[in-house]
Amino acid sequence: MTHDVSGSTYKFQKAYPEYFKDLSDKEKEFAEFFVAMMNTTAQECTLTFSGGAATLLNGGREMKGTYSQDGEKLTVKGLPQFPEEGTLTEEGIDFVQRQKGDDTGVIHILFTKI
């Protein structure tokens, strides 16, 4: 059952890659480096939803944007370098980072409700 995220705060849990096709060792190394860096730098990152506003707090830095929810689908706008699309799961929210024009895979960024 889908719940309304308004009034809820979610904490970064982890990031991991999903590959859509075989990649070279160098491409995999780059993706794994990016994921490792994100898993280190975003450990204390939280995302709060309230009244149509989305607030991302990471290391004392606060960014504000907006969000909309359609069932299990979340759309977040106005947070630089943050994925715009997320899906509610039983565990929390699964955001997907895609590079435009890149069909090799995606990075999943998981947040859990606190």
PDB file of N, CA and C in Angstrom:
ATOM      1  N   MET A   1       0.829  -1.179   0.000  1.00  0.00           N
ATOM      2  CA  MET A   1       0.000   0.000   0.000  1.00  0.00           C
ATOM      3  C   MET A   1       0.880   1.251   0.000  1.00  0.00           C
ATOM      4  N   THR A   2       0.543   2.194  -0.841  1.00  0.00           N
ATOM      5  CA  THR A   2       1.314   3.423  -0.966  1.00  0.00           C
ATOM      6  C   THR A   2       0.949   4.394   0.148  1.00  0.00           C
ATOM      7  N   HIS A   3       1.963   5.044   0.713  1.00  0.00           N
ATOM      8  CA  HIS A   3       1.698   6.051   1.733  1.00  0.00           C
ATOM      9  C   HIS A   3       2.113   7.429   1.212  1.00  0.00           C
ATOM     10  N   ASP A   4       1.540   8.456   1.796  1.00  0.00           N
ATOM     11  CA  ASP A   4       1.863   9.833   1.451  1.00  0.00           C
ATOM     12  C   ASP A   4       3.169  10.192   2.161  1.00  0.00           C
ATOM     13  N   VAL A   5       4.141  10.737   1.414  1.00  0.00           N
ATOM     14  CA  VAL A   5       5.434  11.060   2.014  1.00  0.00           C
ATOM     15  C   VAL A   5       5.423  12.387   2.766  1.00  0.00           C
ATOM     16  N   SER A   6       4.368  13.193   2.587  1.00  0.00           N
ATOM     17  CA  SER A   6       4.307  14.499   3.236  1.00  0.00           C
ATOM     18  C   SER A   6       4.444  14.354   4.751  1.00  0.00           C
ATOM     19  N   GLY A   7       5.332  15.159   5.314  1.00  0.00           N
ATOM     20  CA  GLY A   7       5.575  15.120   6.750  1.00  0.00           C
ATOM     21  C   GLY A   7       6.602  14.078   7.160  1.00  0.00           C
ATOM     22  N   SER A   8       7.199  13.398   6.185  1.00  0.00           N
ATOM     23  CA  SER A   8       8.161  12.326   6.484  1.00  0.00           C
ATOM     24  C   SER A   8       9.588  12.740   6.136  1.00  0.00           C
ATOM     25  N   THR A   9      10.536  12.156   6.862  1.00  0.00           N
ATOM     26  CA  THR A   9      11.952  12.352   6.599  1.00  0.00           C
ATOM     27  C   THR A   9      12.579  11.003   6.291  1.00  0.00           C
ATOM     28  N   TYR A  10      13.457  11.001   5.309  1.00  0.00           N
ATOM     29  CA  TYR A  10      14.148   9.794   4.862  1.00  0.00           C
ATOM     30  C   TYR A  10      15.652  10.034   4.941  1.00  0.00           C
ATOM     31  N   LYS A  11      16.385   8.994   5.306  1.00  0.00           N
ATOM     32  CA  LYS A  11      17.846   9.075   5.430  1.00  0.00           C
ATOM     33  C   LYS A  11      18.489   8.221   4.345  1.00  0.00           C
ATOM     34  N   PHE A  12      19.581   8.743   3.789  1.00  0.00           N
ATOM     35  CA  PHE A  12      20.335   7.999   2.795  1.00  0.00           C
ATOM     36  C   PHE A  12      20.769   6.659   3.379  1.00  0.00           C
ATOM     37  N   GLN A  13      20.560   5.590   2.615  1.00  0.00           N
ATOM     38  CA  GLN A  13      20.979   4.261   3.061  1.00  0.00           C
ATOM     39  C   GLN A  13      22.196   3.802   2.274  1.00  0.00           C
ATOM     40  N   LYS A  14      22.071   3.781   0.925  1.00  0.00           N
ATOM     41  CA  LYS A  14      23.197   3.349   0.111  1.00  0.00           C
ATOM     42  C   LYS A  14      22.918   3.647  -1.352  1.00  0.00           C
ATOM     43  N   ALA A  15      23.980   3.605  -2.133  1.00  0.00           N
ATOM     44  CA  ALA A  15      23.881   3.720  -3.594  1.00  0.00           C
ATOM     45  C   ALA A  15      24.526   2.478  -4.187  1.00  0.00           C
ATOM     46  N   TYR A  16      23.986   2.038  -5.326  1.00  0.00           N
ATOM     47  CA  TYR A  16      24.589   0.899  -6.018  1.00  0.00           C
ATOM     48  C   TYR A  16      24.267   0.983  -7.515  1.00  0.00           C
ATOM     49  N   PRO A  17      25.160   0.426  -8.346  1.00  0.00           N
ATOM     50  CA  PRO A  17      24.932   0.479  -9.791  1.00  0.00           C
ATOM     51  C   PRO A  17      24.074  -0.680 -10.282  1.00  0.00           C
ATOM     52  N   GLU A  18      23.376  -0.441 -11.378  1.00  0.00           N
ATOM     53  CA  GLU A  18      22.673  -1.495 -12.110  1.00  0.00           C
ATOM     54  C   GLU A  18      23.107  -1.354 -13.568  1.00  0.00           C
ATOM     55  N   TYR A  19      23.757  -2.375 -14.091  1.00  0.00           N
ATOM     56  CA  TYR A  19      24.268  -2.337 -15.462  1.00  0.00           C
ATOM     57  C   TYR A  19      23.263  -2.968 -16.411  1.00  0.00           C
ATOM     58  N   PHE A  20      23.046  -2.318 -17.564  1.00  0.00           N
ATOM     59  CA  PHE A  20      22.120  -2.828 -18.567  1.00  0.00           C
ATOM     60  C   PHE A  20      22.812  -3.656 -19.634  1.00  0.00           C
ATOM     61  N   LYS A  21      24.129  -3.535 -19.719  1.00  0.00           N
ATOM     62  CA  LYS A  21      24.887  -4.315 -20.695  1.00  0.00           C
ATOM     63  C   LYS A  21      26.317  -4.451 -20.193  1.00  0.00           C
ATOM     64  N   ASP A  22      27.078  -5.296 -20.868  1.00  0.00           N
ATOM     65  CA  ASP A  22      28.475  -5.493 -20.477  1.00  0.00           C
ATOM     66  C   ASP A  22      29.247  -4.189 -20.623  1.00  0.00           C
ATOM     67  N   LEU A  23      30.038  -3.888 -19.624  1.00  0.00           N
ATOM     68  CA  LEU A  23      30.876  -2.693 -19.641  1.00  0.00           C
ATOM     69  C   LEU A  23      32.335  -3.096 -19.596  1.00  0.00           C
ATOM     70  N   SER A  24      33.179  -2.215 -20.074  1.00  0.00           N
ATOM     71  CA  SER A  24      34.611  -2.457 -19.961  1.00  0.00           C
ATOM     72  C   SER A  24      35.004  -2.337 -18.490  1.00  0.00           C
ATOM     73  N   ASP A  25      36.167  -2.880 -18.153  1.00  0.00           N
ATOM     74  CA  ASP A  25      36.652  -2.775 -16.775  1.00  0.00           C
ATOM     75  C   ASP A  25      36.790  -1.314 -16.363  1.00  0.00           C
ATOM     76  N   LYS A  26      37.233  -0.466 -17.293  1.00  0.00           N
ATOM     77  CA  LYS A  26      37.422   0.954 -16.990  1.00  0.00           C
ATOM     78  C   LYS A  26      36.071   1.626 -16.693  1.00  0.00           C
ATOM     79  N   GLU A  27      35.034   1.300 -17.470  1.00  0.00           N
ATOM     80  CA  GLU A  27      33.706   1.865 -17.231  1.00  0.00           C
ATOM     81  C   GLU A  27      33.149   1.405 -15.880  1.00  0.00           C
ATOM     82  N   LYS A  28      33.341   0.131 -15.562  1.00  0.00           N
ATOM     83  CA  LYS A  28      32.880  -0.378 -14.271  1.00  0.00           C
ATOM     84  C   LYS A  28      33.633   0.273 -13.117  1.00  0.00           C
ATOM     85  N   GLU A  29      34.946   0.465 -13.278  1.00  0.00           N
ATOM     86  CA  GLU A  29      35.748   1.119 -12.247  1.00  0.00           C
ATOM     87  C   GLU A  29      35.232   2.524 -11.974  1.00  0.00           C
ATOM     88  N   PHE A  30      34.906   3.260 -13.047  1.00  0.00           N
ATOM     89  CA  PHE A  30      34.399   4.623 -12.885  1.00  0.00           C
ATOM     90  C   PHE A  30      33.075   4.602 -12.134  1.00  0.00           C
ATOM     91  N   ALA A  31      32.153   3.721 -12.531  1.00  0.00           N
ATOM     92  CA  ALA A  31      30.848   3.633 -11.866  1.00  0.00           C
ATOM     93  C   ALA A  31      31.020   3.255 -10.397  1.00  0.00           C
ATOM     94  N   GLU A  32      31.881   2.301 -10.114  1.00  0.00           N
ATOM     95  CA  GLU A  32      32.089   1.859  -8.742  1.00  0.00           C
ATOM     96  C   GLU A  32      32.773   2.932  -7.897  1.00  0.00           C
ATOM     97  N   PHE A  33      33.663   3.722  -8.519  1.00  0.00           N
ATOM     98  CA  PHE A  33      34.280   4.853  -7.815  1.00  0.00           C
ATOM     99  C   PHE A  33      33.218   5.881  -7.451  1.00  0.00           C
ATOM    100  N   PHE A  34      32.344   6.202  -8.410  1.00  0.00           N
ATOM    101  CA  PHE A  34      31.268   7.170  -8.171  1.00  0.00           C
ATOM    102  C   PHE A  34      30.364   6.699  -7.037  1.00  0.00           C
ATOM    103  N   VAL A  35      29.994   5.435  -7.054  1.00  0.00           N
ATOM    104  CA  VAL A  35      29.119   4.864  -6.020  1.00  0.00           C
ATOM    105  C   VAL A  35      29.819   4.878  -4.668  1.00  0.00           C
ATOM    106  N   ALA A  36      31.082   4.497  -4.616  1.00  0.00           N
ATOM    107  CA  ALA A  36      31.829   4.500  -3.351  1.00  0.00           C
ATOM    108  C   ALA A  36      31.923   5.915  -2.788  1.00  0.00           C
ATOM    109  N   MET A  37      32.168   6.890  -3.656  1.00  0.00           N
ATOM    110  CA  MET A  37      32.246   8.284  -3.221  1.00  0.00           C
ATOM    111  C   MET A  37      30.888   8.734  -2.658  1.00  0.00           C
ATOM    112  N   MET A  38      29.813   8.381  -3.353  1.00  0.00           N
ATOM    113  CA  MET A  38      28.482   8.761  -2.886  1.00  0.00           C
ATOM    114  C   MET A  38      28.168   8.094  -1.553  1.00  0.00           C
ATOM    115  N   ASN A  39      28.505   6.813  -1.409  1.00  0.00           N
ATOM    116  CA  ASN A  39      28.237   6.106  -0.158  1.00  0.00           C
ATOM    117  C   ASN A  39      29.003   6.712   1.014  1.00  0.00           C
ATOM    118  N   THR A  40      30.138   7.341   0.742  1.00  0.00           N
ATOM    119  CA  THR A  40      30.924   7.983   1.785  1.00  0.00           C
ATOM    120  C   THR A  40      30.412   9.386   2.100  1.00  0.00           C
ATOM    121  N   THR A  41      30.167  10.178   1.070  1.00  0.00           N
ATOM    122  CA  THR A  41      29.814  11.583   1.288  1.00  0.00           C
ATOM    123  C   THR A  41      28.361  11.800   1.689  1.00  0.00           C
ATOM    124  N   ALA A  42      27.483  10.860   1.422  1.00  0.00           N
ATOM    125  CA  ALA A  42      26.053  11.061   1.687  1.00  0.00           C
ATOM    126  C   ALA A  42      25.566  10.318   2.925  1.00  0.00           C
ATOM    127  N   GLN A  43      26.465   9.822   3.760  1.00  0.00           N
ATOM    128  CA  GLN A  43      26.069   9.011   4.907  1.00  0.00           C
ATOM    129  C   GLN A  43      25.073   9.692   5.835  1.00  0.00           C
ATOM    130  N   GLU A  44      25.165  10.987   6.005  1.00  0.00           N
ATOM    131  CA  GLU A  44      24.272  11.707   6.925  1.00  0.00           C
ATOM    132  C   GLU A  44      23.193  12.498   6.184  1.00  0.00           C
ATOM    133  N   CYS A  45      23.019  12.243   4.924  1.00  0.00           N
ATOM    134  CA  CYS A  45      22.068  12.971   4.088  1.00  0.00           C
ATOM    135  C   CYS A  45      20.629  12.592   4.442  1.00  0.00           C
ATOM    136  N   THR A  46      19.760  13.605   4.604  1.00  0.00           N
ATOM    137  CA  THR A  46      18.345  13.363   4.837  1.00  0.00           C
ATOM    138  C   THR A  46      17.525  14.136   3.806  1.00  0.00           C
ATOM    139  N   LEU A  47      16.328  13.643   3.567  1.00  0.00           N
ATOM    140  CA  LEU A  47      15.395  14.246   2.626  1.00  0.00           C
ATOM    141  C   LEU A  47      14.037  14.325   3.312  1.00  0.00           C
ATOM    142  N   THR A  48      13.518  15.548   3.456  1.00  0.00           N
ATOM    143  CA  THR A  48      12.253  15.768   4.144  1.00  0.00           C
ATOM    144  C   THR A  48      11.224  16.323   3.169  1.00  0.00           C
ATOM    145  N   PHE A  49      10.007  15.799   3.260  1.00  0.00           N
ATOM    146  CA  PHE A  49       8.900  16.239   2.414  1.00  0.00           C
ATOM    147  C   PHE A  49       7.849  16.901   3.282  1.00  0.00           C
ATOM    148  N   SER A  50       7.400  18.096   2.881  1.00  0.00           N
ATOM    149  CA  SER A  50       6.376  18.793   3.654  1.00  0.00           C
ATOM    150  C   SER A  50       5.680  19.830   2.783  1.00  0.00           C
ATOM    151  N   GLY A  51       4.368  19.700   2.635  1.00  0.00           N
ATOM    152  CA  GLY A  51       3.577  20.695   1.928  1.00  0.00           C
ATOM    153  C   GLY A  51       4.050  21.017   0.523  1.00  0.00           C
ATOM    154  N   GLY A  52       4.499  20.028  -0.218  1.00  0.00           N
ATOM    155  CA  GLY A  52       4.979  20.248  -1.582  1.00  0.00           C
ATOM    156  C   GLY A  52       6.442  20.634  -1.674  1.00  0.00           C
ATOM    157  N   ALA A  53       7.097  20.847  -0.527  1.00  0.00           N
ATOM    158  CA  ALA A  53       8.520  21.199  -0.513  1.00  0.00           C
ATOM    159  C   ALA A  53       9.364  19.968  -0.175  1.00  0.00           C
ATOM    160  N   ALA A  54      10.504  19.863  -0.848  1.00  0.00           N
ATOM    161  CA  ALA A  54      11.479  18.812  -0.557  1.00  0.00           C
ATOM    162  C   ALA A  54      12.753  19.499  -0.069  1.00  0.00           C
ATOM    163  N   THR A  55      13.259  19.066   1.086  1.00  0.00           N
ATOM    164  CA  THR A  55      14.468  19.657   1.648  1.00  0.00           C
ATOM    165  C   THR A  55      15.518  18.576   1.806  1.00  0.00           C
ATOM    166  N   LEU A  56      16.663  18.781   1.165  1.00  0.00           N
ATOM    167  CA  LEU A  56      17.790  17.861   1.241  1.00  0.00           C
ATOM    168  C   LEU A  56      18.826  18.488   2.150  1.00  0.00           C
ATOM    169  N   LEU A  57      19.220  17.762   3.194  1.00  0.00           N
ATOM    170  CA  LEU A  57      20.222  18.242   4.139  1.00  0.00           C
ATOM    171  C   LEU A  57      21.391  17.271   4.115  1.00  0.00           C
ATOM    172  N   ASN A  58      22.580  17.803   3.814  1.00  0.00           N
ATOM    173  CA  ASN A  58      23.768  16.958   3.759  1.00  0.00           C
ATOM    174  C   ASN A  58      24.958  17.749   4.284  1.00  0.00           C
ATOM    175  N   GLY A  59      25.526  17.281   5.380  1.00  0.00           N
ATOM    176  CA  GLY A  59      26.706  17.929   5.945  1.00  0.00           C
ATOM    177  C   GLY A  59      26.491  19.391   6.293  1.00  0.00           C
ATOM    178  N   GLY A  60      25.319  19.740   6.769  1.00  0.00           N
ATOM    179  CA  GLY A  60      25.027  21.121   7.127  1.00  0.00           C
ATOM    180  C   GLY A  60      24.568  21.971   5.953  1.00  0.00           C
ATOM    181  N   ARG A  61      24.664  21.436   4.762  1.00  0.00           N
ATOM    182  CA  ARG A  61      24.221  22.164   3.564  1.00  0.00           C
ATOM    183  C   ARG A  61      22.767  21.797   3.269  1.00  0.00           C
ATOM    184  N   GLU A  62      21.925  22.821   3.159  1.00  0.00           N
ATOM    185  CA  GLU A  62      20.507  22.598   2.923  1.00  0.00           C
ATOM    186  C   GLU A  62      20.140  23.085   1.521  1.00  0.00           C
ATOM    187  N   MET A  63      19.411  22.232   0.790  1.00  0.00           N
ATOM    188  CA  MET A  63      18.902  22.601  -0.525  1.00  0.00           C
ATOM    189  C   MET A  63      17.399  22.377  -0.519  1.00  0.00           C
ATOM    190  N   LYS A  64      16.678  23.315  -1.125  1.00  0.00           N
ATOM    191  CA  LYS A  64      15.223  23.213  -1.163  1.00  0.00           C
ATOM    192  C   LYS A  64      14.735  23.086  -2.594  1.00  0.00           C
ATOM    193  N   GLY A  65      13.737  22.242  -2.763  1.00  0.00           N
ATOM    194  CA  GLY A  65      13.094  22.048  -4.046  1.00  0.00           C
ATOM    195  C   GLY A  65      11.628  21.753  -3.818  1.00  0.00           C
ATOM    196  N   THR A  66      11.006  21.182  -4.811  1.00  0.00           N
ATOM    197  CA  THR A  66       9.598  20.817  -4.712  1.00  0.00           C
ATOM    198  C   THR A  66       9.447  19.343  -5.060  1.00  0.00           C
ATOM    199  N   TYR A  67       8.305  18.791  -4.700  1.00  0.00           N
ATOM    200  CA  TYR A  67       8.043  17.398  -5.068  1.00  0.00           C
ATOM    201  C   TYR A  67       6.566  17.227  -5.364  1.00  0.00           C
ATOM    202  N   SER A  68       6.277  16.196  -6.122  1.00  0.00           N
ATOM    203  CA  SER A  68       4.896  15.759  -6.318  1.00  0.00           C
ATOM    204  C   SER A  68       4.895  14.245  -6.209  1.00  0.00           C
ATOM    205  N   GLN A  69       3.764  13.706  -5.813  1.00  0.00           N
ATOM    206  CA  GLN A  69       3.634  12.263  -5.640  1.00  0.00           C
ATOM    207  C   GLN A  69       2.407  11.780  -6.381  1.00  0.00           C
ATOM    208  N   ASP A  70       2.588  10.731  -7.158  1.00  0.00           N
ATOM    209  CA  ASP A  70       1.482  10.075  -7.861  1.00  0.00           C
ATOM    210  C   ASP A  70       1.576   8.589  -7.525  1.00  0.00           C
ATOM    211  N   GLY A  71       0.875   8.186  -6.476  1.00  0.00           N
ATOM    212  CA  GLY A  71       0.967   6.799  -6.029  1.00  0.00           C
ATOM    213  C   GLY A  71       2.364   6.499  -5.524  1.00  0.00           C
ATOM    214  N   GLU A  72       3.020   5.514  -6.139  1.00  0.00           N
ATOM    215  CA  GLU A  72       4.374   5.133  -5.729  1.00  0.00           C
ATOM    216  C   GLU A  72       5.457   5.983  -6.390  1.00  0.00           C
ATOM    217  N   LYS A  73       5.086   6.828  -7.333  1.00  0.00           N
ATOM    218  CA  LYS A  73       6.065   7.629  -8.063  1.00  0.00           C
ATOM    219  C   LYS A  73       6.234   9.010  -7.429  1.00  0.00           C
ATOM    220  N   LEU A  74       7.498   9.388  -7.160  1.00  0.00           N
ATOM    221  CA  LEU A  74       7.835  10.713  -6.655  1.00  0.00           C
ATOM    222  C   LEU A  74       8.599  11.462  -7.734  1.00  0.00           C
ATOM    223  N   THR A  75       8.289  12.722  -7.888  1.00  0.00           N
ATOM    224  CA  THR A  75       9.045  13.585  -8.784  1.00  0.00           C
ATOM    225  C   THR A  75       9.568  14.743  -7.953  1.00  0.00           C
ATOM    226  N   VAL A  76      10.895  14.918  -7.946  1.00  0.00           N
ATOM    227  CA  VAL A  76      11.544  15.960  -7.161  1.00  0.00           C
ATOM    228  C   VAL A  76      12.193  16.936  -8.136  1.00  0.00           C
ATOM    229  N   LYS A  77      11.946  18.217  -7.949  1.00  0.00           N
ATOM    230  CA  LYS A  77      12.492  19.265  -8.823  1.00  0.00           C
ATOM    231  C   LYS A  77      13.255  20.286  -7.986  1.00  0.00           C
ATOM    232  N   GLY A  78      14.273  20.872  -8.596  1.00  0.00           N
ATOM    233  CA  GLY A  78      14.976  21.985  -7.974  1.00  0.00           C
ATOM    234  C   GLY A  78      16.116  21.626  -7.056  1.00  0.00           C
ATOM    235  N   LEU A  79      16.481  20.348  -6.970  1.00  0.00           N
ATOM    236  CA  LEU A  79      17.633  19.947  -6.164  1.00  0.00           C
ATOM    237  C   LEU A  79      18.766  19.602  -7.131  1.00  0.00           C
ATOM    238  N   PRO A  80      19.755  20.486  -7.263  1.00  0.00           N
ATOM    239  CA  PRO A  80      20.833  20.250  -8.228  1.00  0.00           C
ATOM    240  C   PRO A  80      21.536  18.912  -8.005  1.00  0.00           C
ATOM    241  N   GLN A  81      21.820  18.230  -9.082  1.00  0.00           N
ATOM    242  CA  GLN A  81      22.542  16.957  -9.084  1.00  0.00           C
ATOM    243  C   GLN A  81      21.830  15.867  -8.288  1.00  0.00           C
ATOM    244  N   PHE A  82      20.531  16.000  -8.127  1.00  0.00           N
ATOM    245  CA  PHE A  82      19.751  14.976  -7.446  1.00  0.00           C
ATOM    246  C   PHE A  82      18.760  14.407  -8.449  1.00  0.00           C
ATOM    247  N   PRO A  83      18.573  13.089  -8.467  1.00  0.00           N
ATOM    248  CA  PRO A  83      17.646  12.501  -9.438  1.00  0.00           C
ATOM    249  C   PRO A  83      16.229  13.031  -9.264  1.00  0.00           C
ATOM    250  N   GLU A  84      15.533  13.219 -10.375  1.00  0.00           N
ATOM    251  CA  GLU A  84      14.174  13.758 -10.315  1.00  0.00           C
ATOM    252  C   GLU A  84      13.117  12.692 -10.047  1.00  0.00           C
ATOM    253  N   GLU A  85      13.418  11.426 -10.325  1.00  0.00           N
ATOM    254  CA  GLU A  85      12.402  10.391 -10.186  1.00  0.00           C
ATOM    255  C   GLU A  85      12.763   9.385  -9.102  1.00  0.00           C
ATOM    256  N   GLY A  86      11.762   9.049  -8.294  1.00  0.00           N
ATOM    257  CA  GLY A  86      11.919   8.042  -7.264  1.00  0.00           C
ATOM    258  C   GLY A  86      10.683   7.183  -7.171  1.00  0.00           C
ATOM    259  N   THR A  87      10.858   5.986  -6.633  1.00  0.00           N
ATOM    260  CA  THR A  87       9.752   5.060  -6.453  1.00  0.00           C
ATOM    261  C   THR A  87       9.701   4.644  -4.995  1.00  0.00           C
ATOM    262  N   LEU A  88       8.501   4.732  -4.397  1.00  0.00           N
ATOM    263  CA  LEU A  88       8.338   4.257  -3.031  1.00  0.00           C
ATOM    264  C   LEU A  88       8.385   2.740  -3.018  1.00  0.00           C
ATOM    265  N   THR A  89       9.114   2.193  -2.060  1.00  0.00           N
ATOM    266  CA  THR A  89       9.191   0.752  -1.851  1.00  0.00           C
ATOM    267  C   THR A  89       8.807   0.476  -0.401  1.00  0.00           C
ATOM    268  N   GLU A  90       8.745  -0.789  -0.035  1.00  0.00           N
ATOM    269  CA  GLU A  90       8.463  -1.130   1.363  1.00  0.00           C
ATOM    270  C   GLU A  90       9.552  -0.611   2.292  1.00  0.00           C
ATOM    271  N   GLU A  91      10.790  -0.535   1.788  1.00  0.00           N
ATOM    272  CA  GLU A  91      11.924  -0.108   2.599  1.00  0.00           C
ATOM    273  C   GLU A  91      12.087   1.401   2.650  1.00  0.00           C
ATOM    274  N   GLY A  92      11.579   2.133   1.656  1.00  0.00           N
ATOM    275  CA  GLY A  92      11.765   3.582   1.614  1.00  0.00           C
ATOM    276  C   GLY A  92      11.537   4.124   0.213  1.00  0.00           C
ATOM    277  N   ILE A  93      12.550   4.843  -0.313  1.00  0.00           N
ATOM    278  CA  ILE A  93      12.465   5.421  -1.652  1.00  0.00           C
ATOM    279  C   ILE A  93      13.697   5.013  -2.447  1.00  0.00           C
ATOM    280  N   ASP A  94      13.474   4.585  -3.681  1.00  0.00           N
ATOM    281  CA  ASP A  94      14.549   4.220  -4.600  1.00  0.00           C
ATOM    282  C   ASP A  94      14.599   5.285  -5.692  1.00  0.00           C
ATOM    283  N   PHE A  95      15.604   6.181  -5.606  1.00  0.00           N
ATOM    284  CA  PHE A  95      15.823   7.177  -6.645  1.00  0.00           C
ATOM    285  C   PHE A  95      16.775   6.588  -7.676  1.00  0.00           C
ATOM    286  N   VAL A  96      16.574   6.944  -8.942  1.00  0.00           N
ATOM    287  CA  VAL A  96      17.405   6.409 -10.011  1.00  0.00           C
ATOM    288  C   VAL A  96      18.116   7.559 -10.728  1.00  0.00           C
ATOM    289  N   GLN A  97      19.442   7.510 -10.722  1.00  0.00           N
ATOM    290  CA  GLN A  97      20.279   8.517 -11.397  1.00  0.00           C
ATOM    291  C   GLN A  97      20.638   7.997 -12.776  1.00  0.00           C
ATOM    292  N   ARG A  98      20.240   8.743 -13.805  1.00  0.00           N
ATOM    293  CA  ARG A  98      20.556   8.382 -15.196  1.00  0.00           C
ATOM    294  C   ARG A  98      21.399   9.485 -15.810  1.00  0.00           C
ATOM    295  N   GLN A  99      22.341   9.101 -16.651  1.00  0.00           N
ATOM    296  CA  GLN A  99      23.089  10.066 -17.445  1.00  0.00           C
ATOM    297  C   GLN A  99      22.403  10.168 -18.796  1.00  0.00           C
ATOM    298  N   LYS A 100      22.097  11.375 -19.243  1.00  0.00           N
ATOM    299  CA  LYS A 100      21.443  11.551 -20.533  1.00  0.00           C
ATOM    300  C   LYS A 100      22.301  10.961 -21.633  1.00  0.00           C
ATOM    301  N   GLY A 101      21.663  10.170 -22.486  1.00  0.00           N
ATOM    302  CA  GLY A 101      22.363   9.570 -23.612  1.00  0.00           C
ATOM    303  C   GLY A 101      23.193   8.352 -23.259  1.00  0.00           C
ATOM    304  N   ASP A 102      23.176   7.949 -21.993  1.00  0.00           N
ATOM    305  CA  ASP A 102      23.964   6.792 -21.553  1.00  0.00           C
ATOM    306  C   ASP A 102      23.019   5.624 -21.293  1.00  0.00           C
ATOM    307  N   ASP A 103      23.155   4.571 -22.086  1.00  0.00           N
ATOM    308  CA  ASP A 103      22.271   3.412 -21.925  1.00  0.00           C
ATOM    309  C   ASP A 103      22.969   2.229 -21.265  1.00  0.00           C
ATOM    310  N   THR A 104      24.099   2.488 -20.597  1.00  0.00           N
ATOM    311  CA  THR A 104      24.870   1.401 -19.997  1.00  0.00           C
ATOM    312  C   THR A 104      24.318   0.964 -18.647  1.00  0.00           C
ATOM    313  N   GLY A 105      23.582   1.848 -17.970  1.00  0.00           N
ATOM    314  CA  GLY A 105      23.037   1.488 -16.669  1.00  0.00           C
ATOM    315  C   GLY A 105      22.597   2.706 -15.890  1.00  0.00           C
ATOM    316  N   VAL A 106      22.268   2.489 -14.635  1.00  0.00           N
ATOM    317  CA  VAL A 106      21.805   3.546 -13.742  1.00  0.00           C
ATOM    318  C   VAL A 106      22.439   3.347 -12.365  1.00  0.00           C
ATOM    319  N   ILE A 107      22.326   4.386 -11.542  1.00  0.00           N
ATOM    320  CA  ILE A 107      22.745   4.301 -10.149  1.00  0.00           C
ATOM    321  C   ILE A 107      21.482   4.419  -9.297  1.00  0.00           C
ATOM    322  N   HIS A 108      21.257   3.432  -8.426  1.00  0.00           N
ATOM    323  CA  HIS A 108      20.137   3.480  -7.483  1.00  0.00           C
ATOM    324  C   HIS A 108      20.619   4.186  -6.218  1.00  0.00           C
ATOM    325  N   ILE A 109      19.801   5.112  -5.710  1.00  0.00           N
ATOM    326  CA  ILE A 109      20.110   5.830  -4.489  1.00  0.00           C
ATOM    327  C   ILE A 109      18.953   5.586  -3.529  1.00  0.00           C
ATOM    328  N   LEU A 110      19.218   4.803  -2.498  1.00  0.00           N
ATOM    329  CA  LEU A 110      18.154   4.364  -1.578  1.00  0.00           C
ATOM    330  C   LEU A 110      18.109   5.213  -0.310  1.00  0.00           C
ATOM    331  N   PHE A 111      16.894   5.610   0.055  1.00  0.00           N
ATOM    332  CA  PHE A 111      16.631   6.327   1.298  1.00  0.00           C
ATOM    333  C   PHE A 111      15.631   5.507   2.107  1.00  0.00           C
ATOM    334  N   THR A 112      15.808   5.458   3.426  1.00  0.00           N
ATOM    335  CA  THR A 112      14.855   4.767   4.296  1.00  0.00           C
ATOM    336  C   THR A 112      14.188   5.786   5.216  1.00  0.00           C
ATOM    337  N   LYS A 113      12.944   5.523   5.580  1.00  0.00           N
ATOM    338  CA  LYS A 113      12.184   6.439   6.429  1.00  0.00           C
ATOM    339  C   LYS A 113      12.714   6.395   7.852  1.00  0.00           C
ATOM    340  N   ILE A 114      12.836   7.565   8.457  1.00  0.00           N
ATOM    341  CA  ILE A 114      13.286   7.637   9.859  1.00  0.00           C
ATOM    342  C   ILE A 114      12.193   8.263  10.707  1.00  0.00           C
TER     343      ILE A 114
END
